[in-house]
Amino acid sequence: MMEKNSKIYVAGHRGMVGSAICRELERQGYHNIITRTHREMDLTRQEAVEKFFAEEKPEYVFLAAAKVGGIMGNATAKADFMYDNMILEMNVIHAAWLNGCKKLEFLGSSCIYPRFAEQPMKEECLLTSALEQTNEAYALAKISGLKYCEYLNGQYGTDYISVMPTNLYGPNDNYHPIHSHVLPALIRRFHEAKEQGLTSVTCWGDGSPLREFLYVDDLANLCVFLMNSYSGNETVNAGTGKELTIKKLTEIVAKIVGYRGKIIWDLSKPNGTPRKLLDVSKAVKLGWKYRTKLEDGIRLTYDDFLRNPMRAER
């Protein structure tokens, strides 16, 4: 269990997940948190990562760094998504092991599960059938990180765990019109449509896919909870256990943003995975439950977007 003065490294502290973990750690009184920007240390460079770990010797590591993107980025830059994610996670996990890290927590994604997995998806459905093609490269990289932690535990007795979040949203998200995930992309699209007085907004697909969304501060709370209370090879799903259609999501976002125009669906664009709901009974049995309702979380996220307009340019 982490002490309040334990040396804790949060990889990816500027991203949505990493920054939320830092906020949660600070909220709970942890005060020896170390971070590095990409400019200070490129996690895809093995020598730099090993030098950092040898010098700093962090006791606990939250591996939240990743190359992420929406459906278009995942589908068109598969080689980049596989290489960057595979190499950065292997560098960090390996260097943590070399330098005697007490515990590491690896952050993955629910896209690791099969395209047509039985719903809601339990942790044990991993690798039971084919992945969703549009994000296969990212999923394979995340599966590799999870499995490397598992193999180190088995071969060397480490205490490395993994968490698989559902779709995340919240402060410090990426609002890029092409490379962001669905919820922040909708926030930006409807906000700009309202500002420009547009009479309609076009969204991808037909709106039928079902999705689950977790507010990132709730995930951060789970991450710290698991670091202190869970050990095991099997990953832990992080979500709400509730889902809604993309169509319903767009209506909620439009309402919160204040856009009153028409929503048009572009059927020539892909829907992605038809349904992706996590079974979160394991996390609940361990003693955790999400706190933030979707509409409340979207309001908080929109407020963050309005306060930080430059994030829309990322």
C-alpha atoms as a PDB file:
ATOM      1  CA  MET A   1       0.000   0.000   0.000  1.00  0.00           C
ATOM      2  CA  MET A   2       1.285   3.448  -0.922  1.00  0.00           C
ATOM      3  CA  GLU A   3       2.454   5.753   1.866  1.00  0.00           C
ATOM      4  CA  LYS A   4       1.690   9.460   1.630  1.00  0.00           C
ATOM      5  CA  ASN A   5       5.385  10.143   0.963  1.00  0.00           C
ATOM      6  CA  SER A   6       5.916   7.197  -1.423  1.00  0.00           C
ATOM      7  CA  LYS A   7       7.680   8.145  -4.624  1.00  0.00           C
ATOM      8  CA  ILE A   8       5.020   7.892  -7.336  1.00  0.00           C
ATOM      9  CA  TYR A   9       5.626   8.319 -11.067  1.00  0.00           C
ATOM     10  CA  VAL A  10       2.644   9.185 -13.271  1.00  0.00           C
ATOM     11  CA  ALA A  11       3.503   8.575 -16.920  1.00  0.00           C
ATOM     12  CA  GLY A  12       1.385  10.739 -19.212  1.00  0.00           C
ATOM     13  CA  HIS A  13       0.552  13.345 -16.573  1.00  0.00           C
ATOM     14  CA  ARG A  14      -0.479  15.959 -19.147  1.00  0.00           C
ATOM     15  CA  GLY A  15      -3.106  13.746 -20.731  1.00  0.00           C
ATOM     16  CA  MET A  16      -6.700  13.427 -19.606  1.00  0.00           C
ATOM     17  CA  VAL A  17      -6.161  10.247 -17.566  1.00  0.00           C
ATOM     18  CA  GLY A  18      -2.720  11.065 -16.183  1.00  0.00           C
ATOM     19  CA  SER A  19      -3.735  14.548 -15.068  1.00  0.00           C
ATOM     20  CA  ALA A  20      -6.815  13.103 -13.348  1.00  0.00           C
ATOM     21  CA  ILE A  21      -4.651  10.566 -11.498  1.00  0.00           C
ATOM     22  CA  CYS A  22      -2.359  13.376 -10.331  1.00  0.00           C
ATOM     23  CA  ARG A  23      -5.379  15.346  -9.085  1.00  0.00           C
ATOM     24  CA  GLU A  24      -6.706  12.307  -7.221  1.00  0.00           C
ATOM     25  CA  LEU A  25      -3.339  11.509  -5.650  1.00  0.00           C
ATOM     26  CA  GLU A  26      -2.985  15.099  -4.461  1.00  0.00           C
ATOM     27  CA  ARG A  27      -6.571  15.101  -3.183  1.00  0.00           C
ATOM     28  CA  GLN A  28      -5.775  12.039  -1.082  1.00  0.00           C
ATOM     29  CA  GLY A  29      -2.628  13.613   0.369  1.00  0.00           C
ATOM     30  CA  TYR A  30       0.144  11.988  -1.693  1.00  0.00           C
ATOM     31  CA  HIS A  31       2.865  14.601  -2.111  1.00  0.00           C
ATOM     32  CA  ASN A  32       5.874  12.891  -3.694  1.00  0.00           C
ATOM     33  CA  ILE A  33       4.622  12.691  -7.285  1.00  0.00           C
ATOM     34  CA  ILE A  34       7.181  12.800 -10.083  1.00  0.00           C
ATOM     35  CA  THR A  35       6.404  13.580 -13.719  1.00  0.00           C
ATOM     36  CA  ARG A  36       8.188  14.254 -16.994  1.00  0.00           C
ATOM     37  CA  THR A  37       6.896  16.025 -20.088  1.00  0.00           C
ATOM     38  CA  HIS A  38       7.424  14.481 -23.519  1.00  0.00           C
ATOM     39  CA  ARG A  39      10.126  17.081 -24.165  1.00  0.00           C
ATOM     40  CA  GLU A  40      11.932  16.088 -20.979  1.00  0.00           C
ATOM     41  CA  MET A  41      11.684  12.343 -21.677  1.00  0.00           C
ATOM     42  CA  ASP A  42      10.463  10.569 -24.814  1.00  0.00           C
ATOM     43  CA  LEU A  43       8.975   7.294 -23.574  1.00  0.00           C
ATOM     44  CA  THR A  44       9.595   5.649 -26.952  1.00  0.00           C
ATOM     45  CA  ARG A  45      13.360   5.985 -26.343  1.00  0.00           C
ATOM     46  CA  GLN A  46      14.559   3.064 -24.244  1.00  0.00           C
ATOM     47  CA  GLU A  47      17.821   4.650 -23.128  1.00  0.00           C
ATOM     48  CA  ALA A  48      16.068   7.769 -21.842  1.00  0.00           C
ATOM     49  CA  VAL A  49      13.461   5.765 -19.943  1.00  0.00           C
ATOM     50  CA  GLU A  50      16.022   3.448 -18.345  1.00  0.00           C
ATOM     51  CA  LYS A  51      18.169   6.448 -17.326  1.00  0.00           C
ATOM     52  CA  PHE A  52      15.149   8.096 -15.686  1.00  0.00           C
ATOM     53  CA  PHE A  53      14.202   4.977 -13.708  1.00  0.00           C
ATOM     54  CA  ALA A  54      17.792   4.331 -12.635  1.00  0.00           C
ATOM     55  CA  GLU A  55      18.106   7.885 -11.313  1.00  0.00           C
ATOM     56  CA  GLU A  56      14.649   8.405  -9.793  1.00  0.00           C
ATOM     57  CA  LYS A  57      13.798   4.857  -8.595  1.00  0.00           C
ATOM     58  CA  PRO A  58      10.022   5.402  -8.334  1.00  0.00           C
ATOM     59  CA  GLU A  59       8.306   3.008  -5.928  1.00  0.00           C
ATOM     60  CA  TYR A  60       4.922   3.100  -7.688  1.00  0.00           C
ATOM     61  CA  VAL A  61       4.087   3.740 -11.346  1.00  0.00           C
ATOM     62  CA  PHE A  62       0.810   4.687 -13.002  1.00  0.00           C
ATOM     63  CA  LEU A  63       1.289   4.040 -16.736  1.00  0.00           C
ATOM     64  CA  ALA A  64      -1.304   6.346 -18.300  1.00  0.00           C
ATOM     65  CA  ALA A  65       0.796   7.516 -21.263  1.00  0.00           C
ATOM     66  CA  ALA A  66      -0.439   6.450 -24.702  1.00  0.00           C
ATOM     67  CA  LYS A  67      -0.907   7.551 -28.277  1.00  0.00           C
ATOM     68  CA  VAL A  68      -4.681   7.853 -28.560  1.00  0.00           C
ATOM     69  CA  GLY A  69      -7.214   8.934 -31.147  1.00  0.00           C
ATOM     70  CA  GLY A  70     -10.720   8.487 -32.451  1.00  0.00           C
ATOM     71  CA  ILE A  71     -12.069   6.055 -35.026  1.00  0.00           C
ATOM     72  CA  MET A  72     -10.433   7.836 -37.979  1.00  0.00           C
ATOM     73  CA  GLY A  73      -6.980   8.031 -36.384  1.00  0.00           C
ATOM     74  CA  ASN A  74      -7.094   4.388 -35.324  1.00  0.00           C
ATOM     75  CA  ALA A  75      -8.223   3.224 -38.749  1.00  0.00           C
ATOM     76  CA  THR A  76      -5.777   5.242 -40.880  1.00  0.00           C
ATOM     77  CA  ALA A  77      -2.586   5.229 -38.796  1.00  0.00           C
ATOM     78  CA  LYS A  78      -2.449   1.634 -37.575  1.00  0.00           C
ATOM     79  CA  ALA A  79       1.321   1.309 -37.831  1.00  0.00           C
ATOM     80  CA  ASP A  80       1.866   4.476 -35.766  1.00  0.00           C
ATOM     81  CA  PHE A  81      -0.639   3.457 -33.110  1.00  0.00           C
ATOM     82  CA  MET A  82       0.882   0.010 -32.764  1.00  0.00           C
ATOM     83  CA  TYR A  83       4.535   1.096 -32.715  1.00  0.00           C
ATOM     84  CA  ASP A  84       4.234   4.101 -30.404  1.00  0.00           C
ATOM     85  CA  ASN A  85       2.033   2.374 -27.859  1.00  0.00           C
ATOM     86  CA  MET A  86       3.887  -0.925 -27.917  1.00  0.00           C
ATOM     87  CA  ILE A  87       7.328   0.577 -27.494  1.00  0.00           C
ATOM     88  CA  LEU A  88       6.482   3.176 -24.844  1.00  0.00           C
ATOM     89  CA  GLU A  89       4.649   0.716 -22.604  1.00  0.00           C
ATOM     90  CA  MET A  90       7.353  -1.932 -22.946  1.00  0.00           C
ATOM     91  CA  ASN A  91      10.039   0.631 -22.117  1.00  0.00           C
ATOM     92  CA  VAL A  92       8.268   1.826 -18.968  1.00  0.00           C
ATOM     93  CA  ILE A  93       7.217  -1.607 -17.684  1.00  0.00           C
ATOM     94  CA  HIS A  94      10.640  -3.126 -18.359  1.00  0.00           C
ATOM     95  CA  ALA A  95      12.513  -0.229 -16.732  1.00  0.00           C
ATOM     96  CA  ALA A  96      10.211  -0.417 -13.699  1.00  0.00           C
ATOM     97  CA  TRP A  97      11.049  -4.099 -13.312  1.00  0.00           C
ATOM     98  CA  LEU A  98      14.795  -3.514 -13.777  1.00  0.00           C
ATOM     99  CA  ASN A  99      14.772  -0.906 -11.014  1.00  0.00           C
ATOM    100  CA  GLY A 100      12.733  -2.731  -8.409  1.00  0.00           C
ATOM    101  CA  CYS A 101       9.464  -0.810  -8.673  1.00  0.00           C
ATOM    102  CA  LYS A 102       7.133  -2.052  -5.886  1.00  0.00           C
ATOM    103  CA  LYS A 103       3.980  -1.875  -7.970  1.00  0.00           C
ATOM    104  CA  LEU A 104       2.921  -0.748 -11.445  1.00  0.00           C
ATOM    105  CA  GLU A 105      -0.555  -0.098 -12.782  1.00  0.00           C
ATOM    106  CA  PHE A 106      -1.085  -0.321 -16.529  1.00  0.00           C
ATOM    107  CA  LEU A 107      -3.972   1.597 -18.115  1.00  0.00           C
ATOM    108  CA  GLY A 108      -5.509  -0.029 -21.151  1.00  0.00           C
ATOM    109  CA  SER A 109      -8.803   0.296 -22.996  1.00  0.00           C
ATOM    110  CA  SER A 110     -12.012  -1.658 -23.422  1.00  0.00           C
ATOM    111  CA  CYS A 111     -11.176  -1.997 -27.136  1.00  0.00           C
ATOM    112  CA  ILE A 112      -8.960  -4.951 -26.145  1.00  0.00           C
ATOM    113  CA  TYR A 113     -12.067  -7.124 -26.012  1.00  0.00           C
ATOM    114  CA  PRO A 114     -13.474  -9.003 -29.042  1.00  0.00           C
ATOM    115  CA  ARG A 115     -15.790  -7.179 -31.449  1.00  0.00           C
ATOM    116  CA  PHE A 116     -18.678  -9.537 -30.781  1.00  0.00           C
ATOM    117  CA  ALA A 117     -17.940 -10.407 -27.157  1.00  0.00           C
ATOM    118  CA  GLU A 118     -20.901 -11.375 -25.027  1.00  0.00           C
ATOM    119  CA  GLN A 119     -22.326  -8.257 -23.395  1.00  0.00           C
ATOM    120  CA  PRO A 120     -21.615  -6.932 -20.850  1.00  0.00           C
ATOM    121  CA  MET A 121     -17.966  -7.874 -21.371  1.00  0.00           C
ATOM    122  CA  LYS A 122     -16.273  -9.705 -18.526  1.00  0.00           C
ATOM    123  CA  GLU A 123     -12.515  -9.568 -18.000  1.00  0.00           C
ATOM    124  CA  GLU A 124     -12.131 -13.234 -18.970  1.00  0.00           C
ATOM    125  CA  CYS A 125     -13.462 -12.715 -22.531  1.00  0.00           C
ATOM    126  CA  LEU A 126     -10.060 -11.324 -23.553  1.00  0.00           C
ATOM    127  CA  LEU A 127      -8.597 -13.060 -26.645  1.00  0.00           C
ATOM    128  CA  THR A 128     -11.597 -15.339 -27.164  1.00  0.00           C
ATOM    129  CA  SER A 129     -12.364 -14.068 -30.704  1.00  0.00           C
ATOM    130  CA  ALA A 130     -11.521 -11.401 -33.318  1.00  0.00           C
ATOM    131  CA  LEU A 131     -11.024  -7.716 -32.498  1.00  0.00           C
ATOM    132  CA  GLU A 132     -12.769  -4.711 -34.031  1.00  0.00           C
ATOM    133  CA  GLN A 133     -10.789  -3.938 -37.207  1.00  0.00           C
ATOM    134  CA  THR A 134     -10.899  -0.145 -36.936  1.00  0.00           C
ATOM    135  CA  ASN A 135      -8.864  -0.122 -33.710  1.00  0.00           C
ATOM    136  CA  GLU A 136      -7.110  -3.486 -33.913  1.00  0.00           C
ATOM    137  CA  ALA A 137      -3.583  -2.039 -33.869  1.00  0.00           C
ATOM    138  CA  TYR A 138      -4.205  -0.009 -30.704  1.00  0.00           C
ATOM    139  CA  ALA A 139      -5.936  -2.973 -29.066  1.00  0.00           C
ATOM    140  CA  LEU A 140      -3.057  -5.347 -29.852  1.00  0.00           C
ATOM    141  CA  ALA A 141      -0.575  -2.927 -28.298  1.00  0.00           C
ATOM    142  CA  LYS A 142      -2.673  -2.625 -25.144  1.00  0.00           C
ATOM    143  CA  ILE A 143      -3.119  -6.401 -24.914  1.00  0.00           C
ATOM    144  CA  SER A 144       0.658  -6.767 -25.156  1.00  0.00           C
ATOM    145  CA  GLY A 145       1.199  -4.374 -22.257  1.00  0.00           C
ATOM    146  CA  LEU A 146      -1.341  -6.201 -20.132  1.00  0.00           C
ATOM    147  CA  LYS A 147       0.204  -9.568 -20.935  1.00  0.00           C
ATOM    148  CA  TYR A 148       3.745  -8.349 -20.271  1.00  0.00           C
ATOM    149  CA  CYS A 149       2.667  -7.323 -16.769  1.00  0.00           C
ATOM    150  CA  GLU A 150       1.077 -10.740 -16.302  1.00  0.00           C
ATOM    151  CA  TYR A 151       4.188 -12.550 -17.521  1.00  0.00           C
ATOM    152  CA  LEU A 152       6.491 -10.524 -15.253  1.00  0.00           C
ATOM    153  CA  ASN A 153       4.264 -11.412 -12.311  1.00  0.00           C
ATOM    154  CA  GLY A 154       4.492 -15.078 -13.188  1.00  0.00           C
ATOM    155  CA  GLN A 155       8.198 -15.220 -13.991  1.00  0.00           C
ATOM    156  CA  TYR A 156       9.656 -12.727 -11.526  1.00  0.00           C
ATOM    157  CA  GLY A 157       7.029 -12.296  -8.814  1.00  0.00           C
ATOM    158  CA  THR A 158       6.264  -8.644  -9.532  1.00  0.00           C
ATOM    159  CA  ASP A 159       3.029  -6.983  -8.421  1.00  0.00           C
ATOM    160  CA  TYR A 160       1.892  -5.371 -11.665  1.00  0.00           C
ATOM    161  CA  ILE A 161      -1.807  -4.840 -12.337  1.00  0.00           C
ATOM    162  CA  SER A 162      -3.907  -3.511 -15.200  1.00  0.00           C
ATOM    163  CA  VAL A 163      -7.127  -1.525 -15.518  1.00  0.00           C
ATOM    164  CA  MET A 164      -9.316  -1.455 -18.639  1.00  0.00           C
ATOM    165  CA  PRO A 165     -11.484   1.682 -18.794  1.00  0.00           C
ATOM    166  CA  THR A 166     -14.539   2.145 -20.942  1.00  0.00           C
ATOM    167  CA  ASN A 167     -14.929   5.332 -23.045  1.00  0.00           C
ATOM    168  CA  LEU A 168     -13.590   8.226 -20.983  1.00  0.00           C
ATOM    169  CA  TYR A 169     -14.333  11.932 -20.947  1.00  0.00           C
ATOM    170  CA  GLY A 170     -13.632  14.917 -18.746  1.00  0.00           C
ATOM    171  CA  PRO A 171     -11.210  17.796 -18.102  1.00  0.00           C
ATOM    172  CA  ASN A 172      -8.108  18.027 -20.287  1.00  0.00           C
ATOM    173  CA  ASP A 173      -9.623  15.943 -23.078  1.00  0.00           C
ATOM    174  CA  ASN A 174      -8.608  16.220 -26.725  1.00  0.00           C
ATOM    175  CA  TYR A 175     -11.211  18.168 -28.733  1.00  0.00           C
ATOM    176  CA  HIS A 176      -9.630  17.849 -32.169  1.00  0.00           C
ATOM    177  CA  PRO A 177     -12.348  17.599 -34.861  1.00  0.00           C
ATOM    178  CA  ILE A 178     -10.822  14.485 -36.484  1.00  0.00           C
ATOM    179  CA  HIS A 179      -8.446  12.858 -34.007  1.00  0.00           C
ATOM    180  CA  SER A 180     -10.574  13.029 -30.839  1.00  0.00           C
ATOM    181  CA  HIS A 181     -13.001  10.487 -29.400  1.00  0.00           C
ATOM    182  CA  VAL A 182     -16.735  10.764 -29.918  1.00  0.00           C
ATOM    183  CA  LEU A 183     -17.851  12.760 -26.874  1.00  0.00           C
ATOM    184  CA  PRO A 184     -15.271  15.595 -27.000  1.00  0.00           C
ATOM    185  CA  ALA A 185     -15.662  15.723 -30.782  1.00  0.00           C
ATOM    186  CA  LEU A 186     -19.405  16.234 -30.341  1.00  0.00           C
ATOM    187  CA  ILE A 187     -18.847  18.969 -27.755  1.00  0.00           C
ATOM    188  CA  ARG A 188     -16.643  20.899 -30.158  1.00  0.00           C
ATOM    189  CA  ARG A 189     -18.893  20.281 -33.174  1.00  0.00           C
ATOM    190  CA  PHE A 190     -22.070  21.472 -31.465  1.00  0.00           C
ATOM    191  CA  HIS A 191     -20.321  24.414 -29.810  1.00  0.00           C
ATOM    192  CA  GLU A 192     -18.941  25.643 -33.145  1.00  0.00           C
ATOM    193  CA  ALA A 193     -22.291  25.061 -34.843  1.00  0.00           C
ATOM    194  CA  LYS A 194     -23.993  27.177 -32.171  1.00  0.00           C
ATOM    195  CA  GLU A 195     -21.370  29.930 -32.470  1.00  0.00           C
ATOM    196  CA  GLN A 196     -21.646  29.963 -36.268  1.00  0.00           C
ATOM    197  CA  GLY A 197     -25.435  29.768 -36.332  1.00  0.00           C
ATOM    198  CA  LEU A 198     -25.490  26.551 -38.382  1.00  0.00           C
ATOM    199  CA  THR A 199     -28.903  25.009 -38.988  1.00  0.00           C
ATOM    200  CA  SER A 200     -27.609  21.421 -38.982  1.00  0.00           C
ATOM    201  CA  VAL A 201     -24.767  19.233 -37.727  1.00  0.00           C
ATOM    202  CA  THR A 202     -23.667  16.013 -39.462  1.00  0.00           C
ATOM    203  CA  CYS A 203     -22.605  13.029 -37.355  1.00  0.00           C
ATOM    204  CA  TRP A 204     -20.990   9.769 -38.442  1.00  0.00           C
ATOM    205  CA  GLY A 205     -22.877   6.510 -38.949  1.00  0.00           C
ATOM    206  CA  ASP A 206     -26.512   5.964 -38.038  1.00  0.00           C
ATOM    207  CA  GLY A 207     -26.378   6.656 -34.308  1.00  0.00           C
ATOM    208  CA  SER A 208     -27.277   3.080 -33.351  1.00  0.00           C
ATOM    209  CA  PRO A 209     -24.068   1.868 -31.618  1.00  0.00           C
ATOM    210  CA  LEU A 210     -24.329   1.564 -27.851  1.00  0.00           C
ATOM    211  CA  ARG A 211     -21.616   3.095 -25.713  1.00  0.00           C
ATOM    212  CA  GLU A 212     -20.709   3.451 -22.049  1.00  0.00           C
ATOM    213  CA  PHE A 213     -18.977   6.560 -20.674  1.00  0.00           C
ATOM    214  CA  LEU A 214     -16.990   7.089 -17.478  1.00  0.00           C
ATOM    215  CA  TYR A 215     -15.974  10.482 -16.102  1.00  0.00           C
ATOM    216  CA  VAL A 216     -12.181  10.536 -15.888  1.00  0.00           C
ATOM    217  CA  ASP A 217     -12.016  11.658 -12.249  1.00  0.00           C
ATOM    218  CA  ASP A 218     -14.019   8.562 -11.331  1.00  0.00           C
ATOM    219  CA  LEU A 219     -11.474   6.423 -13.174  1.00  0.00           C
ATOM    220  CA  ALA A 220      -8.637   8.146 -11.301  1.00  0.00           C
ATOM    221  CA  ASN A 221     -10.338   7.350  -8.017  1.00  0.00           C
ATOM    222  CA  LEU A 222     -10.515   3.676  -9.027  1.00  0.00           C
ATOM    223  CA  CYS A 223      -6.869   3.673 -10.138  1.00  0.00           C
ATOM    224  CA  VAL A 224      -5.619   4.859  -6.749  1.00  0.00           C
ATOM    225  CA  PHE A 225      -8.027   2.477  -4.987  1.00  0.00           C
ATOM    226  CA  LEU A 226      -6.716  -0.512  -6.967  1.00  0.00           C
ATOM    227  CA  MET A 227      -3.079   0.449  -6.455  1.00  0.00           C
ATOM    228  CA  ASN A 228      -3.727   0.222  -2.725  1.00  0.00           C
ATOM    229  CA  SER A 229      -6.090  -2.735  -2.570  1.00  0.00           C
ATOM    230  CA  TYR A 230      -5.775  -5.088  -5.557  1.00  0.00           C
ATOM    231  CA  SER A 231      -3.180  -7.564  -6.775  1.00  0.00           C
ATOM    232  CA  GLY A 232      -3.743 -10.118  -9.515  1.00  0.00           C
ATOM    233  CA  ASN A 233      -3.021 -11.071 -13.098  1.00  0.00           C
ATOM    234  CA  GLU A 234      -6.532 -10.499 -14.382  1.00  0.00           C
ATOM    235  CA  THR A 235      -7.322  -6.961 -15.453  1.00  0.00           C
ATOM    236  CA  VAL A 236     -10.094  -4.933 -13.797  1.00  0.00           C
ATOM    237  CA  ASN A 237     -12.798  -3.290 -15.895  1.00  0.00           C
ATOM    238  CA  ALA A 238     -13.540   0.376 -15.183  1.00  0.00           C
ATOM    239  CA  GLY A 239     -16.944   1.711 -16.159  1.00  0.00           C
ATOM    240  CA  THR A 240     -20.466   2.531 -15.057  1.00  0.00           C
ATOM    241  CA  GLY A 241     -22.241  -0.595 -16.294  1.00  0.00           C
ATOM    242  CA  LYS A 242     -24.711   1.686 -18.124  1.00  0.00           C
ATOM    243  CA  GLU A 243     -24.980   2.408 -21.841  1.00  0.00           C
ATOM    244  CA  LEU A 244     -26.803   4.620 -24.330  1.00  0.00           C
ATOM    245  CA  THR A 245     -26.937   4.988 -28.111  1.00  0.00           C
ATOM    246  CA  ILE A 246     -24.681   7.454 -29.889  1.00  0.00           C
ATOM    247  CA  LYS A 247     -27.888   9.099 -31.128  1.00  0.00           C
ATOM    248  CA  LYS A 248     -29.042   9.712 -27.558  1.00  0.00           C
ATOM    249  CA  LEU A 249     -25.575  10.949 -26.618  1.00  0.00           C
ATOM    250  CA  THR A 250     -25.620  13.536 -29.420  1.00  0.00           C
ATOM    251  CA  GLU A 251     -28.993  14.795 -28.225  1.00  0.00           C
ATOM    252  CA  ILE A 252     -27.696  15.182 -24.660  1.00  0.00           C
ATOM    253  CA  VAL A 253     -24.540  17.003 -25.799  1.00  0.00           C
ATOM    254  CA  ALA A 254     -26.538  19.310 -28.090  1.00  0.00           C
ATOM    255  CA  LYS A 255     -28.871  20.153 -25.210  1.00  0.00           C
ATOM    256  CA  ILE A 256     -26.046  20.909 -22.768  1.00  0.00           C
ATOM    257  CA  VAL A 257     -24.123  22.991 -25.315  1.00  0.00           C
ATOM    258  CA  GLY A 258     -27.321  24.837 -26.260  1.00  0.00           C
ATOM    259  CA  TYR A 259     -27.449  23.853 -29.935  1.00  0.00           C
ATOM    260  CA  ARG A 260     -31.005  23.703 -31.311  1.00  0.00           C
ATOM    261  CA  GLY A 261     -30.418  22.854 -34.987  1.00  0.00           C
ATOM    262  CA  LYS A 262     -30.993  19.587 -36.864  1.00  0.00           C
ATOM    263  CA  ILE A 263     -28.795  16.495 -36.462  1.00  0.00           C
ATOM    264  CA  ILE A 264     -28.061  14.645 -39.731  1.00  0.00           C
ATOM    265  CA  TRP A 265     -26.535  11.156 -39.877  1.00  0.00           C
ATOM    266  CA  ASP A 266     -23.930  10.344 -42.553  1.00  0.00           C
ATOM    267  CA  LEU A 267     -24.555   6.672 -43.327  1.00  0.00           C
ATOM    268  CA  SER A 268     -21.424   6.459 -45.511  1.00  0.00           C
ATOM    269  CA  LYS A 269     -19.237   6.731 -42.401  1.00  0.00           C
ATOM    270  CA  PRO A 270     -18.460   3.745 -40.113  1.00  0.00           C
ATOM    271  CA  ASN A 271     -20.308   3.034 -36.882  1.00  0.00           C
ATOM    272  CA  GLY A 272     -17.471   1.138 -35.229  1.00  0.00           C
ATOM    273  CA  THR A 273     -18.185  -1.635 -32.736  1.00  0.00           C
ATOM    274  CA  PRO A 274     -21.975  -2.133 -32.422  1.00  0.00           C
ATOM    275  CA  ARG A 275     -21.961  -2.453 -28.646  1.00  0.00           C
ATOM    276  CA  LYS A 276     -19.270  -2.109 -26.002  1.00  0.00           C
ATOM    277  CA  LEU A 277     -20.490  -2.432 -22.426  1.00  0.00           C
ATOM    278  CA  LEU A 278     -18.195  -3.548 -19.619  1.00  0.00           C
ATOM    279  CA  ASP A 279     -19.131  -5.880 -16.809  1.00  0.00           C
ATOM    280  CA  VAL A 280     -17.947  -3.878 -13.791  1.00  0.00           C
ATOM    281  CA  SER A 281     -19.059  -6.342 -11.121  1.00  0.00           C
ATOM    282  CA  LYS A 282     -15.440  -7.122 -10.227  1.00  0.00           C
ATOM    283  CA  ALA A 283     -14.631  -3.505  -9.333  1.00  0.00           C
ATOM    284  CA  VAL A 284     -17.918  -3.216  -7.436  1.00  0.00           C
ATOM    285  CA  LYS A 285     -17.157  -6.369  -5.430  1.00  0.00           C
ATOM    286  CA  LEU A 286     -13.756  -4.910  -4.557  1.00  0.00           C
ATOM    287  CA  GLY A 287     -15.588  -1.939  -3.047  1.00  0.00           C
ATOM    288  CA  TRP A 288     -15.655   0.746  -5.764  1.00  0.00           C
ATOM    289  CA  LYS A 289     -18.478   2.480  -7.640  1.00  0.00           C
ATOM    290  CA  TYR A 290     -18.567   5.405 -10.040  1.00  0.00           C
ATOM    291  CA  ARG A 291     -19.941   8.728  -8.759  1.00  0.00           C
ATOM    292  CA  THR A 292     -20.558  11.106 -11.672  1.00  0.00           C
ATOM    293  CA  LYS A 293     -23.780  10.922 -13.689  1.00  0.00           C
ATOM    294  CA  LEU A 294     -23.342  11.345 -17.451  1.00  0.00           C
ATOM    295  CA  GLU A 295     -25.176  14.658 -17.851  1.00  0.00           C
ATOM    296  CA  ASP A 296     -23.346  16.147 -14.856  1.00  0.00           C
ATOM    297  CA  GLY A 297     -20.022  14.975 -16.278  1.00  0.00           C
ATOM    298  CA  ILE A 298     -20.745  16.402 -19.725  1.00  0.00           C
ATOM    299  CA  ARG A 299     -21.587  19.768 -18.151  1.00  0.00           C
ATOM    300  CA  LEU A 300     -18.285  19.742 -16.272  1.00  0.00           C
ATOM    301  CA  THR A 301     -16.452  18.771 -19.463  1.00  0.00           C
ATOM    302  CA  TYR A 302     -18.114  21.525 -21.501  1.00  0.00           C
ATOM    303  CA  ASP A 303     -17.167  24.040 -18.811  1.00  0.00           C
ATOM    304  CA  ASP A 304     -13.563  22.810 -19.105  1.00  0.00           C
ATOM    305  CA  PHE A 305     -13.716  23.200 -22.892  1.00  0.00           C
ATOM    306  CA  LEU A 306     -14.948  26.785 -22.556  1.00  0.00           C
ATOM    307  CA  ARG A 307     -12.224  27.664 -20.036  1.00  0.00           C
ATOM    308  CA  ASN A 308      -9.462  26.143 -22.178  1.00  0.00           C
ATOM    309  CA  PRO A 309     -10.154  26.973 -25.834  1.00  0.00           C
ATOM    310  CA  MET A 310      -6.608  26.116 -26.951  1.00  0.00           C
ATOM    311  CA  ARG A 311      -7.274  22.439 -26.197  1.00  0.00           C
ATOM    312  CA  ALA A 312      -9.566  22.437 -29.221  1.00  0.00           C
ATOM    313  CA  GLU A 313      -6.514  22.931 -31.436  1.00  0.00           C
ATOM    314  CA  ARG A 314      -4.728  19.730 -30.334  1.00  0.00           C
END
